[in-house]
Amino acid sequence: MTVSLPLVFVLGVIAWAAIKFLGIRLWVAVVFALFGFLLSHTILAPAIDSGTRSGVGVVNGTHR
């Protein structure tokens, strides 16, 4: 049986856990989220996308 979770959901759970258990302040998480949105509109976006896809492929075992 294959279980599929969207990456956004997994990152959301990690962010929630960091705020709840590690004591990360909410405003810090919001700043990082806004930085991610701004970064997605730069020249680095394709590199980040391919790196994320490669990382997910390694975790899923589909990396060739």
C-alpha atoms as a PDB file:
ATOM      1  CA  MET A   1       0.000   0.000   0.000  1.00  0.00           C
ATOM      2  CA  THR A   2       1.363   3.400  -0.988  1.00  0.00           C
ATOM      3  CA  VAL A   3       0.713   6.451   1.137  1.00  0.00           C
ATOM      4  CA  SER A   4       1.085   9.829  -0.525  1.00  0.00           C
ATOM      5  CA  LEU A   5       1.389  13.087   1.414  1.00  0.00           C
ATOM      6  CA  PRO A   6       1.792  16.478  -0.213  1.00  0.00           C
ATOM      7  CA  LEU A   7       5.097  18.129   0.602  1.00  0.00           C
ATOM      8  CA  VAL A   8       3.268  21.259   1.748  1.00  0.00           C
ATOM      9  CA  PHE A   9       1.400  19.220   4.376  1.00  0.00           C
ATOM     10  CA  VAL A  10       4.615  17.651   5.668  1.00  0.00           C
ATOM     11  CA  LEU A  11       6.339  21.049   5.863  1.00  0.00           C
ATOM     12  CA  GLY A  12       3.278  22.470   7.622  1.00  0.00           C
ATOM     13  CA  VAL A  13       3.446  19.747  10.262  1.00  0.00           C
ATOM     14  CA  ILE A  14       7.162  20.403  10.739  1.00  0.00           C
ATOM     15  CA  ALA A  15       6.507  24.147  11.112  1.00  0.00           C
ATOM     16  CA  TRP A  16       3.697  23.504  13.616  1.00  0.00           C
ATOM     17  CA  ALA A  17       5.929  21.156  15.629  1.00  0.00           C
ATOM     18  CA  ALA A  18       8.756  23.720  15.619  1.00  0.00           C
ATOM     19  CA  ILE A  19       6.411  26.406  16.926  1.00  0.00           C
ATOM     20  CA  LYS A  20       4.779  24.122  19.492  1.00  0.00           C
ATOM     21  CA  PHE A  21       7.701  22.095  20.830  1.00  0.00           C
ATOM     22  CA  LEU A  22      10.903  23.974  19.964  1.00  0.00           C
ATOM     23  CA  GLY A  23       9.644  27.362  21.010  1.00  0.00           C
ATOM     24  CA  ILE A  24      10.051  29.000  17.609  1.00  0.00           C
ATOM     25  CA  ARG A  25       8.065  32.214  17.643  1.00  0.00           C
ATOM     26  CA  LEU A  26       5.176  32.507  15.197  1.00  0.00           C
ATOM     27  CA  TRP A  27       6.550  35.704  13.660  1.00  0.00           C
ATOM     28  CA  VAL A  28       9.796  33.898  12.785  1.00  0.00           C
ATOM     29  CA  ALA A  29       7.836  31.195  10.957  1.00  0.00           C
ATOM     30  CA  VAL A  30       5.856  33.875   9.100  1.00  0.00           C
ATOM     31  CA  VAL A  31       9.067  35.660   8.069  1.00  0.00           C
ATOM     32  CA  PHE A  32      10.509  32.397   6.731  1.00  0.00           C
ATOM     33  CA  ALA A  33       7.296  31.687   4.810  1.00  0.00           C
ATOM     34  CA  LEU A  34       7.337  35.162   3.269  1.00  0.00           C
ATOM     35  CA  PHE A  35      11.014  34.742   2.405  1.00  0.00           C
ATOM     36  CA  GLY A  36      10.138  31.495   0.621  1.00  0.00           C
ATOM     37  CA  PHE A  37       7.457  33.240  -1.432  1.00  0.00           C
ATOM     38  CA  LEU A  38       9.863  36.028  -2.371  1.00  0.00           C
ATOM     39  CA  LEU A  39      12.624  33.550  -3.185  1.00  0.00           C
ATOM     40  CA  SER A  40      10.317  31.680  -5.557  1.00  0.00           C
ATOM     41  CA  HIS A  41      10.258  34.738  -7.820  1.00  0.00           C
ATOM     42  CA  THR A  42      14.030  34.966  -8.222  1.00  0.00           C
ATOM     43  CA  ILE A  43      16.535  33.333 -10.518  1.00  0.00           C
ATOM     44  CA  LEU A  44      17.118  30.667  -7.826  1.00  0.00           C
ATOM     45  CA  ALA A  45      13.616  29.210  -8.216  1.00  0.00           C
ATOM     46  CA  PRO A  46      14.533  26.559 -10.857  1.00  0.00           C
ATOM     47  CA  ALA A  47      17.483  25.359  -8.758  1.00  0.00           C
ATOM     48  CA  ILE A  48      15.315  25.113  -5.653  1.00  0.00           C
ATOM     49  CA  ASP A  49      12.626  23.253  -7.601  1.00  0.00           C
ATOM     50  CA  SER A  50      15.031  20.724  -9.084  1.00  0.00           C
ATOM     51  CA  GLY A  51      16.760  20.233  -5.725  1.00  0.00           C
ATOM     52  CA  THR A  52      13.445  19.626  -4.009  1.00  0.00           C
ATOM     53  CA  ARG A  53      12.357  17.172  -6.703  1.00  0.00           C
ATOM     54  CA  SER A  54      15.675  15.322  -6.454  1.00  0.00           C
ATOM     55  CA  GLY A  55      15.392  15.133  -2.668  1.00  0.00           C
ATOM     56  CA  VAL A  56      11.838  13.792  -2.862  1.00  0.00           C
ATOM     57  CA  GLY A  57      12.978  11.287  -5.489  1.00  0.00           C
ATOM     58  CA  VAL A  58      15.746  10.037  -3.203  1.00  0.00           C
ATOM     59  CA  VAL A  59      13.338   9.688  -0.282  1.00  0.00           C
ATOM     60  CA  ASN A  60      10.797   7.881  -2.444  1.00  0.00           C
ATOM     61  CA  GLY A  61      13.437   5.628  -3.974  1.00  0.00           C
ATOM     62  CA  THR A  62      12.703   6.781  -7.530  1.00  0.00           C
ATOM     63  CA  HIS A  63      15.974   8.680  -8.004  1.00  0.00           C
ATOM     64  CA  ARG A  64      17.980   7.389 -10.957  1.00  0.00           C
END
